[in-house]
Amino acid sequence: MLRFILEKRNGFFILLLSLILSGCATAPPRDINNVCSMFEQYPSWYTAAKKSRNKWNVPISSQMAIIYYESHFVSDAQPPRQSILGVIPWSRPSSAYGYAQALDGTWSDYQKSTGNYSGSRDNFADAIDFVGWYTSNSSRRLGIPRNDAGKLYLAYHEGDGGYRRGTHYKKRWLLNKSRKVTNKGRIYYRQLINCEARLNRESSSSFW
C-alpha cells in the first residue's frame, strides 16, 4: 500500500513538473501580422531582432518575414509526422525544429561558427540570430540583396548549393511562397517605420 502511494505521489510530481515546464514556453504573439504588436507584446524580441540586425546587417523585416513563414512564431514547431497507409503515425520528414525550423546539421554549423553552443532553437533570441547568420552568409555567397526577403528565403529553404543550381525554379509552390515572404517583409518594413522610434525609446527607458 505504501509503495502504491509513493508511486502515485511521484507520478503527480512528474506531471506537475511537466506542466510547469510546458508553461515556460513562450506563446505565439497575439497578432503575428503586425510586427509592432509582436514587439510591444514581447519587448525582448525587439531587443534580440535589433541585435541580430546590427550583427548580421540583415533587416529585421526580412528576418521576421522568414520566421513567419517557417513557424508562424511557434517556439517548438516541427514538420508534421508522416503516416503509413494514411493512418499509422511515422517519422517526421526532417529534423527542422523551432522558430527558424533549423535542421540539426545546420544548427550545429551555426553553433560552431558563432560559438553559441548554449543556444536553443526554441529560444527566440537564438533563433533570430540563426536566421541573421544564415541569410547574411547567403547574401555574401550568392550576391542576394540583404533586403530581398523573398530570394533570401529561397536560399534559406534550398541551401546555397540548391539556390545556385536553381532547384527552386522547379517548385512552383516555393516560388509562390517566396513572393509571400517578399510581401510580408514589405509589410513589416512599413510597420516598423511607424513604431521603431517608440520601441527604441521604450527599450532605453526599461534600463532605468
Protein backbone atom coordinates (compact mmCIF):
# COMPACT_ATOMS: atom_id res chain seq x y z
CA MET A 1 0.00 0.00 0.00
CA LEU A 2 2.80 2.41 0.94
CA ARG A 3 4.60 1.63 -2.31
CA PHE A 4 1.40 2.37 -4.23
CA ILE A 5 1.03 5.75 -2.51
CA LEU A 6 4.67 6.67 -3.20
CA GLU A 7 4.32 5.74 -6.86
CA LYS A 8 1.17 7.83 -7.12
CA ARG A 9 2.88 10.78 -5.42
CA ASN A 10 5.93 10.53 -7.68
CA GLY A 11 3.67 10.38 -10.70
CA PHE A 12 1.87 13.51 -9.52
CA PHE A 13 5.13 15.43 -9.11
CA ILE A 14 6.32 14.35 -12.56
CA LEU A 15 3.04 15.54 -14.07
CA LEU A 16 3.25 18.81 -12.15
CA LEU A 17 6.83 19.39 -13.32
CA SER A 18 5.92 18.73 -16.94
CA LEU A 19 3.04 21.20 -16.70
CA ILE A 20 5.34 23.84 -15.21
CA LEU A 21 7.96 23.32 -17.91
CA SER A 22 5.38 23.43 -20.69
CA GLY A 23 4.06 26.67 -19.20
CA CYS A 24 7.51 28.19 -19.62
CA ALA A 25 7.25 28.04 -23.42
CA THR A 26 6.52 31.44 -24.95
CA ALA A 27 3.09 31.52 -26.56
CA PRO A 28 2.90 32.86 -30.13
CA PRO A 29 2.17 36.61 -30.26
CA ARG A 30 -1.45 37.66 -30.40
CA ASP A 31 -1.07 39.35 -33.79
CA ILE A 32 1.67 37.86 -35.94
CA ASN A 33 0.65 40.04 -38.88
CA ASN A 34 1.74 43.18 -37.06
CA VAL A 35 5.43 43.31 -36.19
CA CYS A 36 4.93 46.36 -33.95
CA SER A 37 2.30 44.50 -31.94
CA MET A 38 4.62 41.50 -31.57
CA PHE A 39 7.49 43.62 -30.30
CA GLU A 40 5.21 45.54 -27.94
CA GLN A 41 3.92 42.25 -26.51
CA TYR A 42 7.45 40.80 -26.24
CA PRO A 43 9.95 43.68 -25.87
CA SER A 44 12.81 41.19 -25.54
CA TRP A 45 12.05 40.04 -29.09
CA TYR A 46 12.71 43.54 -30.40
CA THR A 47 15.97 43.70 -28.47
CA ALA A 48 17.00 40.36 -30.00
CA ALA A 49 15.88 41.35 -33.51
CA LYS A 50 17.77 44.64 -33.33
CA LYS A 51 20.88 42.86 -32.08
CA SER A 52 20.69 40.37 -34.95
CA ARG A 53 20.21 43.17 -37.50
CA ASN A 54 23.20 45.10 -36.17
CA LYS A 55 25.33 41.97 -36.03
CA TRP A 56 24.48 40.47 -39.45
CA ASN A 57 23.30 43.54 -41.38
CA VAL A 58 20.04 41.88 -42.46
CA PRO A 59 16.85 43.96 -41.98
CA ILE A 60 14.56 42.99 -39.13
CA SER A 61 11.67 42.89 -41.59
CA SER A 62 13.38 40.22 -43.71
CA GLN A 63 14.28 38.07 -40.73
CA MET A 64 10.81 38.28 -39.21
CA ALA A 65 9.13 37.51 -42.55
CA ILE A 66 11.19 34.34 -42.87
CA ILE A 67 10.28 33.23 -39.34
CA TYR A 68 6.62 33.99 -40.06
CA TYR A 69 6.56 31.51 -42.93
CA GLU A 70 8.79 28.96 -41.24
CA SER A 71 6.96 28.55 -37.94
CA HIS A 72 4.34 31.29 -37.51
CA PHE A 73 6.30 32.10 -34.33
CA VAL A 74 5.54 28.77 -32.65
CA SER A 75 8.56 28.06 -30.46
CA ASP A 76 8.56 24.27 -30.75
CA ALA A 77 7.24 23.95 -34.30
CA GLN A 78 8.12 20.75 -36.17
CA PRO A 79 7.08 19.29 -39.53
CA PRO A 80 4.00 17.07 -39.20
CA ARG A 81 4.67 13.38 -38.90
CA GLN A 82 4.33 11.23 -41.98
CA SER A 83 1.98 8.28 -41.84
CA ILE A 84 1.82 4.73 -43.13
CA LEU A 85 -1.33 3.94 -45.12
CA GLY A 86 -2.60 7.32 -44.03
CA VAL A 87 -3.29 6.02 -40.53
CA ILE A 88 -0.19 4.93 -38.61
CA PRO A 89 1.97 7.86 -37.37
CA TRP A 90 5.54 7.60 -38.61
CA SER A 91 8.69 9.70 -38.60
CA ARG A 92 8.93 13.40 -39.43
CA PRO A 93 10.25 14.32 -42.90
CA SER A 94 13.15 16.33 -41.46
CA SER A 95 14.82 17.42 -38.22
CA ALA A 96 13.58 21.02 -38.61
CA TYR A 97 12.66 22.49 -35.25
CA GLY A 98 11.82 25.74 -33.51
CA TYR A 99 11.08 29.28 -34.61
CA ALA A 100 13.53 29.16 -37.52
CA GLN A 101 12.90 25.50 -38.44
CA ALA A 102 16.65 24.93 -38.36
CA LEU A 103 17.86 21.44 -39.23
CA ASP A 104 20.07 19.56 -36.78
CA GLY A 105 23.14 19.76 -39.02
CA THR A 106 22.69 23.42 -39.95
CA TRP A 107 22.13 24.36 -36.32
CA SER A 108 25.34 22.56 -35.41
CA ASP A 109 27.18 24.55 -38.11
CA TYR A 110 25.74 27.76 -36.68
CA GLN A 111 26.88 26.88 -33.17
CA LYS A 112 30.39 26.07 -34.35
CA SER A 113 30.58 29.26 -36.41
CA THR A 114 29.25 31.61 -33.72
CA GLY A 115 30.28 29.82 -30.53
CA ASN A 116 26.67 29.87 -29.33
CA TYR A 117 26.78 26.31 -28.01
CA SER A 118 24.19 27.01 -25.32
CA GLY A 119 21.71 28.32 -27.88
CA SER A 120 18.33 26.69 -28.34
CA ARG A 121 16.12 26.57 -31.40
CA ASP A 122 13.01 27.22 -29.30
CA ASN A 123 14.51 30.42 -27.88
CA PHE A 124 13.55 33.43 -30.00
CA ALA A 125 16.82 35.34 -29.49
CA ASP A 126 18.89 32.35 -30.60
CA ALA A 127 16.55 31.57 -33.49
CA ILE A 128 16.59 35.05 -34.98
CA ASP A 129 20.38 35.20 -34.57
CA PHE A 130 20.48 31.95 -36.57
CA VAL A 131 18.32 33.49 -39.31
CA GLY A 132 20.57 36.56 -39.41
CA TRP A 133 23.68 34.38 -39.61
CA TYR A 134 22.29 32.16 -42.35
CA THR A 135 20.85 34.91 -44.53
CA SER A 136 23.97 37.05 -44.14
CA ASN A 137 26.06 34.15 -45.42
CA SER A 138 23.67 33.58 -48.32
CA SER A 139 23.77 37.26 -49.25
CA ARG A 140 27.56 37.27 -49.24
CA ARG A 141 27.99 33.99 -51.12
CA LEU A 142 25.18 34.37 -53.65
CA GLY A 143 25.02 38.13 -54.12
CA ILE A 144 21.43 38.38 -52.88
CA PRO A 145 20.50 41.86 -51.60
CA ARG A 146 20.04 41.75 -47.84
CA ASN A 147 16.66 43.45 -48.11
CA ASP A 148 15.32 40.92 -50.65
CA ALA A 149 13.41 38.70 -48.23
CA GLY A 150 11.95 36.52 -50.99
CA LYS A 151 15.28 35.50 -52.53
CA LEU A 152 16.87 35.10 -49.11
CA TYR A 153 14.03 32.74 -48.25
CA LEU A 154 14.66 30.67 -51.38
CA ALA A 155 18.31 30.26 -50.38
CA TYR A 156 17.23 29.57 -46.80
CA HIS A 157 14.93 26.79 -47.97
CA GLU A 158 17.07 25.25 -50.71
CA GLY A 159 20.51 25.90 -49.27
CA ASP A 160 23.20 27.87 -51.06
CA GLY A 161 24.00 24.95 -53.36
CA GLY A 162 20.38 24.39 -54.31
CA TYR A 163 19.90 28.08 -54.97
CA ARG A 164 22.95 28.15 -57.26
CA ARG A 165 21.59 25.16 -59.18
CA GLY A 166 18.18 26.80 -59.45
CA THR A 167 16.28 23.96 -57.77
CA HIS A 168 13.62 26.45 -56.67
CA TYR A 169 12.58 27.05 -60.29
CA LYS A 170 11.15 23.53 -60.36
CA LYS A 171 8.97 24.19 -57.31
CA ARG A 172 6.06 26.44 -58.17
CA TRP A 173 4.72 26.27 -54.62
CA LEU A 174 8.07 27.52 -53.27
CA LEU A 175 8.22 30.40 -55.74
CA ASN A 176 4.71 31.39 -54.68
CA LYS A 177 5.76 31.22 -51.05
CA SER A 178 8.84 33.35 -51.69
CA ARG A 179 6.57 36.06 -53.14
CA LYS A 180 4.52 35.91 -49.95
CA VAL A 181 7.70 36.29 -47.91
CA THR A 182 8.61 39.33 -50.02
CA ASN A 183 5.20 40.90 -49.40
CA LYS A 184 5.31 40.11 -45.68
CA GLY A 185 8.76 41.67 -45.45
CA ARG A 186 7.49 44.85 -47.09
CA ILE A 187 4.52 45.00 -44.73
CA TYR A 188 6.75 44.52 -41.69
CA TYR A 189 9.15 47.17 -43.01
CA ARG A 190 6.37 49.76 -43.37
CA GLN A 191 5.04 48.91 -39.92
CA LEU A 192 8.47 49.29 -38.34
CA ILE A 193 8.85 52.76 -39.85
CA ASN A 194 5.90 53.84 -37.72
CA CYS A 195 6.89 52.20 -34.45
CA GLU A 196 10.65 51.66 -34.24
CA ALA A 197 11.39 55.06 -32.71
CA ARG A 198 8.86 54.34 -29.98
CA LEU A 199 10.25 50.82 -29.45
CA ASN A 200 13.75 52.27 -29.08
CA ARG A 201 12.55 54.81 -26.51
CA GLU A 202 10.74 52.14 -24.53
CA SER A 203 13.67 49.73 -24.63
CA SER A 204 16.02 52.51 -23.46
CA SER A 205 13.74 53.57 -20.61
CA SER A 206 13.42 49.95 -19.42
CA PHE A 207 17.03 50.05 -18.27
CA TRP A 208 16.36 52.84 -15.78
